[in-house]
Amino acid sequence: MAKRPPRADIRLLILALVAVAAAAFALAEIGLKSAPTPDTGIASAEGEAAIGGPFSLIDQDGKTRTDADFRGSLMLIYFGYTDCPDVCPLALSTMSAAVDSLGDKGKSVVPIFITVDPERDTVEKLKQYAARFNPRFVALTGESAAIEAAAKAYHVYFAKHPEEGGSYSMDHSSVIYLMGRDGQYLAHFGAEASAQDMAQGIAKFL
């Protein structure tokens, strides 16, 4: 005849099952009511990532460009800087390959590079840099306050990192944002995304 488990063991088992059920319920509630923002993983209260907003910057031809100039097109946006040794060139190369792989449909996608180092990234320097990746790139710079405002709107972190000899590099987020024809956030891609993954993600909105 099988022995009955001690009452203490039964009580512990019941408490454990209740704890698991409560945790599952809490996770389900979070998943239903909110969505994580790409830079922090913090959930937004309304279930939408509050990313993007108006900007007024200067392109590689010295022309003032605002977010309104790109209405009707999808914007593929990356924040970085031209002296970035690895992450930025990889991101821009991936963006270029993804847009090109979409063929004629990709013509409605504008790849945009916004510098977080306006002190060194002049209009002339941006023009040469953007041309290395794709002639369709729009490269933007501007006053420090304008760059900071744009970065804040897109939840992009950046900061100077002093180096020996008085020079510096820039620490910054590495996220590529896809914005809709109305300027609203659609999706984002991490640094590990391949050109194929990015193209497939963009294609959903074309």
Protein backbone atom coordinates (compact mmCIF):
# COMPACT_ATOMS: atom_id res chain seq x y z
CA MET A 1 0.00 0.00 0.00
CA ALA A 2 1.47 3.36 -1.05
CA LYS A 3 2.31 5.83 1.67
CA ARG A 4 0.54 9.16 1.69
CA PRO A 5 2.91 12.14 1.31
CA PRO A 6 3.31 14.21 4.48
CA ARG A 7 0.96 17.16 4.77
CA ALA A 8 3.92 19.58 4.73
CA ASP A 9 5.03 18.26 1.31
CA ILE A 10 1.51 18.62 -0.08
CA ARG A 11 1.31 22.19 1.22
CA LEU A 12 4.66 23.07 -0.41
CA LEU A 13 3.52 21.55 -3.70
CA ILE A 14 0.31 23.58 -3.67
CA LEU A 15 2.20 26.80 -2.90
CA ALA A 16 4.63 26.10 -5.74
CA LEU A 17 1.80 25.53 -8.22
CA VAL A 18 0.10 28.74 -7.12
CA ALA A 19 3.35 30.67 -7.54
CA VAL A 20 3.87 29.30 -11.06
CA ALA A 21 0.30 30.14 -12.04
CA ALA A 22 0.66 33.68 -10.70
CA ALA A 23 3.91 34.22 -12.59
CA ALA A 24 2.37 32.93 -15.84
CA PHE A 25 -0.62 35.22 -15.39
CA ALA A 26 1.62 38.22 -14.74
CA LEU A 27 3.69 37.52 -17.85
CA ALA A 28 0.55 37.15 -19.95
CA GLU A 29 -0.74 40.47 -18.67
CA ILE A 30 2.53 42.19 -19.56
CA GLY A 31 2.54 40.67 -23.03
CA LEU A 32 -1.03 41.71 -23.73
CA LYS A 33 -0.88 45.25 -22.41
CA SER A 34 2.55 46.41 -23.46
CA ALA A 35 5.37 46.16 -25.97
CA PRO A 36 9.12 46.48 -25.32
CA THR A 37 11.02 49.45 -26.70
CA PRO A 38 14.15 48.38 -28.61
CA ASP A 39 16.80 50.31 -26.71
CA THR A 40 15.84 49.52 -23.11
CA GLY A 41 13.41 46.62 -23.17
CA ILE A 42 11.09 48.69 -20.98
CA ALA A 43 7.44 48.17 -21.86
CA SER A 44 5.34 51.12 -22.94
CA ALA A 45 2.06 51.68 -21.13
CA GLU A 46 -0.12 51.78 -24.22
CA GLY A 47 1.32 48.80 -26.06
CA GLU A 48 3.17 50.90 -28.65
CA ALA A 49 6.81 51.91 -28.74
CA ALA A 50 6.89 55.70 -28.53
CA ILE A 51 9.67 56.10 -31.08
CA GLY A 52 10.26 58.86 -33.60
CA GLY A 53 9.28 62.48 -33.98
CA PRO A 54 10.01 65.66 -35.90
CA PHE A 55 13.58 66.65 -36.81
CA SER A 56 15.23 69.42 -38.79
CA LEU A 57 18.78 68.62 -39.91
CA ILE A 58 21.24 69.28 -42.74
CA ASP A 59 21.94 66.69 -45.44
CA GLN A 60 25.19 65.91 -47.25
CA ASP A 61 24.39 68.55 -49.86
CA GLY A 62 23.92 71.30 -47.30
CA LYS A 63 20.13 71.29 -47.63
CA THR A 64 17.79 71.48 -44.64
CA ARG A 65 15.75 68.27 -44.36
CA THR A 66 12.88 67.57 -42.01
CA ASP A 67 10.98 64.39 -41.26
CA ALA A 68 8.08 65.80 -43.29
CA ASP A 69 10.23 65.62 -46.45
CA PHE A 70 9.99 61.83 -46.34
CA ARG A 71 6.24 61.44 -46.02
CA GLY A 72 4.98 58.86 -48.49
CA SER A 73 8.20 56.84 -48.17
CA LEU A 74 9.45 54.39 -45.59
CA MET A 75 12.44 55.66 -43.61
CA LEU A 76 15.20 53.25 -42.57
CA ILE A 77 17.13 55.23 -39.95
CA TYR A 78 20.44 54.61 -38.22
CA PHE A 79 22.34 56.85 -35.78
CA GLY A 80 26.13 56.61 -35.81
CA TYR A 81 29.27 58.49 -36.82
CA THR A 82 31.78 58.40 -39.65
CA ASP A 83 34.82 57.55 -37.51
CA CYS A 84 33.07 54.47 -36.13
CA PRO A 85 35.48 51.56 -36.73
CA ASP A 86 33.11 48.63 -37.18
CA VAL A 87 29.48 48.72 -36.03
CA CYS A 88 28.39 51.69 -38.17
CA PRO A 89 29.95 50.50 -41.45
CA LEU A 90 28.35 47.08 -40.92
CA ALA A 91 24.93 48.61 -40.21
CA LEU A 92 25.04 50.87 -43.26
CA SER A 93 26.25 48.05 -45.49
CA THR A 94 23.40 45.86 -44.28
CA MET A 95 20.87 48.65 -44.85
CA SER A 96 22.20 49.22 -48.37
CA ALA A 97 22.08 45.53 -49.28
CA ALA A 98 18.59 45.12 -47.84
CA VAL A 99 17.16 48.06 -49.76
CA ASP A 100 18.85 47.04 -53.02
CA SER A 101 17.58 43.47 -52.70
CA LEU A 102 14.00 44.75 -52.73
CA GLY A 103 14.38 45.90 -56.32
CA ASP A 104 11.82 48.40 -57.59
CA LYS A 105 9.79 48.08 -54.39
CA GLY A 106 12.83 49.26 -52.46
CA LYS A 107 12.70 52.63 -54.22
CA SER A 108 10.05 53.70 -51.72
CA VAL A 109 12.48 53.11 -48.85
CA VAL A 110 14.89 55.93 -47.91
CA PRO A 111 18.00 54.83 -45.98
CA ILE A 112 18.97 57.62 -43.57
CA PHE A 113 22.17 58.03 -41.55
CA ILE A 114 22.11 60.58 -38.71
CA THR A 115 25.43 61.42 -37.09
CA VAL A 116 25.83 61.59 -33.33
CA ASP A 117 29.16 63.38 -33.81
CA PRO A 118 28.26 66.72 -35.45
CA GLU A 119 31.49 68.24 -34.16
CA ARG A 120 33.54 66.22 -36.65
CA ASP A 121 30.93 65.05 -39.16
CA THR A 122 30.69 68.02 -41.48
CA VAL A 123 28.49 68.15 -44.57
CA GLU A 124 31.51 67.42 -46.78
CA LYS A 125 32.63 64.48 -44.67
CA LEU A 126 29.14 62.98 -44.63
CA LYS A 127 28.88 63.30 -48.42
CA GLN A 128 32.04 61.24 -48.93
CA TYR A 129 31.06 58.72 -46.27
CA ALA A 130 27.51 58.07 -47.50
CA ALA A 131 28.73 57.61 -51.08
CA ARG A 132 30.80 54.62 -49.92
CA PHE A 133 27.66 52.65 -49.17
CA ASN A 134 24.81 53.64 -51.44
CA PRO A 135 24.01 56.72 -53.56
CA ARG A 136 20.49 56.65 -52.14
CA PHE A 137 21.64 57.33 -48.58
CA VAL A 138 20.55 60.58 -46.98
CA ALA A 139 23.21 61.56 -44.42
CA LEU A 140 22.23 64.15 -41.83
CA THR A 141 24.07 66.41 -39.40
CA GLY A 142 23.21 69.67 -37.64
CA GLU A 143 23.63 71.66 -34.48
CA SER A 144 24.30 69.62 -31.33
CA ALA A 145 20.91 70.53 -29.87
CA ALA A 146 19.13 69.33 -33.03
CA ILE A 147 21.04 66.03 -33.01
CA GLU A 148 20.28 65.52 -29.32
CA ALA A 149 16.58 66.17 -29.92
CA ALA A 150 16.44 63.67 -32.77
CA ALA A 151 18.33 61.05 -30.77
CA LYS A 152 16.03 61.53 -27.81
CA ALA A 153 12.95 61.10 -30.01
CA TYR A 154 14.34 57.79 -31.26
CA HIS A 155 15.52 56.62 -27.83
CA VAL A 156 19.13 56.58 -29.02
CA TYR A 157 21.89 56.82 -26.44
CA PHE A 158 25.22 58.43 -27.32
CA ALA A 159 28.16 59.90 -25.43
CA LYS A 160 31.77 60.89 -26.00
CA HIS A 161 34.40 58.41 -24.92
CA PRO A 162 37.78 60.17 -24.40
CA GLU A 163 40.87 58.47 -25.77
CA GLU A 164 44.61 59.00 -25.49
CA GLY A 165 46.04 61.96 -27.35
CA GLY A 166 42.99 64.16 -26.80
CA SER A 167 40.83 62.35 -29.35
CA TYR A 168 37.55 60.56 -28.67
CA SER A 169 35.17 57.94 -29.94
CA MET A 170 31.41 57.81 -29.56
CA ASP A 171 29.49 55.28 -27.54
CA HIS A 172 26.03 54.89 -29.05
CA SER A 173 23.04 52.62 -29.48
CA SER A 174 23.07 50.42 -32.56
CA VAL A 175 19.47 50.02 -33.69
CA ILE A 176 18.04 50.47 -37.18
CA TYR A 177 14.50 51.88 -37.21
CA LEU A 178 11.86 51.40 -39.88
CA MET A 179 9.39 54.28 -39.96
CA GLY A 180 6.14 54.32 -41.92
CA ARG A 181 4.95 56.55 -44.74
CA ASP A 182 3.27 58.71 -42.11
CA GLY A 183 6.43 58.93 -40.00
CA GLN A 184 5.21 56.46 -37.38
CA TYR A 185 7.31 53.64 -35.97
CA LEU A 186 6.87 50.27 -37.69
CA ALA A 187 9.76 48.02 -36.64
CA HIS A 188 13.41 47.91 -35.65
CA PHE A 189 16.40 45.72 -36.39
CA GLY A 190 19.32 44.90 -34.12
CA ALA A 191 22.99 44.96 -35.05
CA GLU A 192 22.89 41.19 -35.64
CA ALA A 193 20.21 41.38 -38.34
CA SER A 194 21.23 40.17 -41.79
CA ALA A 195 20.37 41.99 -45.01
CA GLN A 196 17.93 39.20 -45.85
CA ASP A 197 16.19 39.46 -42.47
CA MET A 198 15.95 43.22 -42.85
CA ALA A 199 14.60 43.01 -46.39
CA GLN A 200 11.94 40.54 -45.31
CA GLY A 201 10.97 42.80 -42.42
CA ILE A 202 10.68 45.84 -44.68
CA ALA A 203 8.76 43.93 -47.36
CA LYS A 204 5.86 43.41 -44.95
CA PHE A 205 5.10 47.13 -45.14
CA LEU A 206 5.57 47.71 -48.89
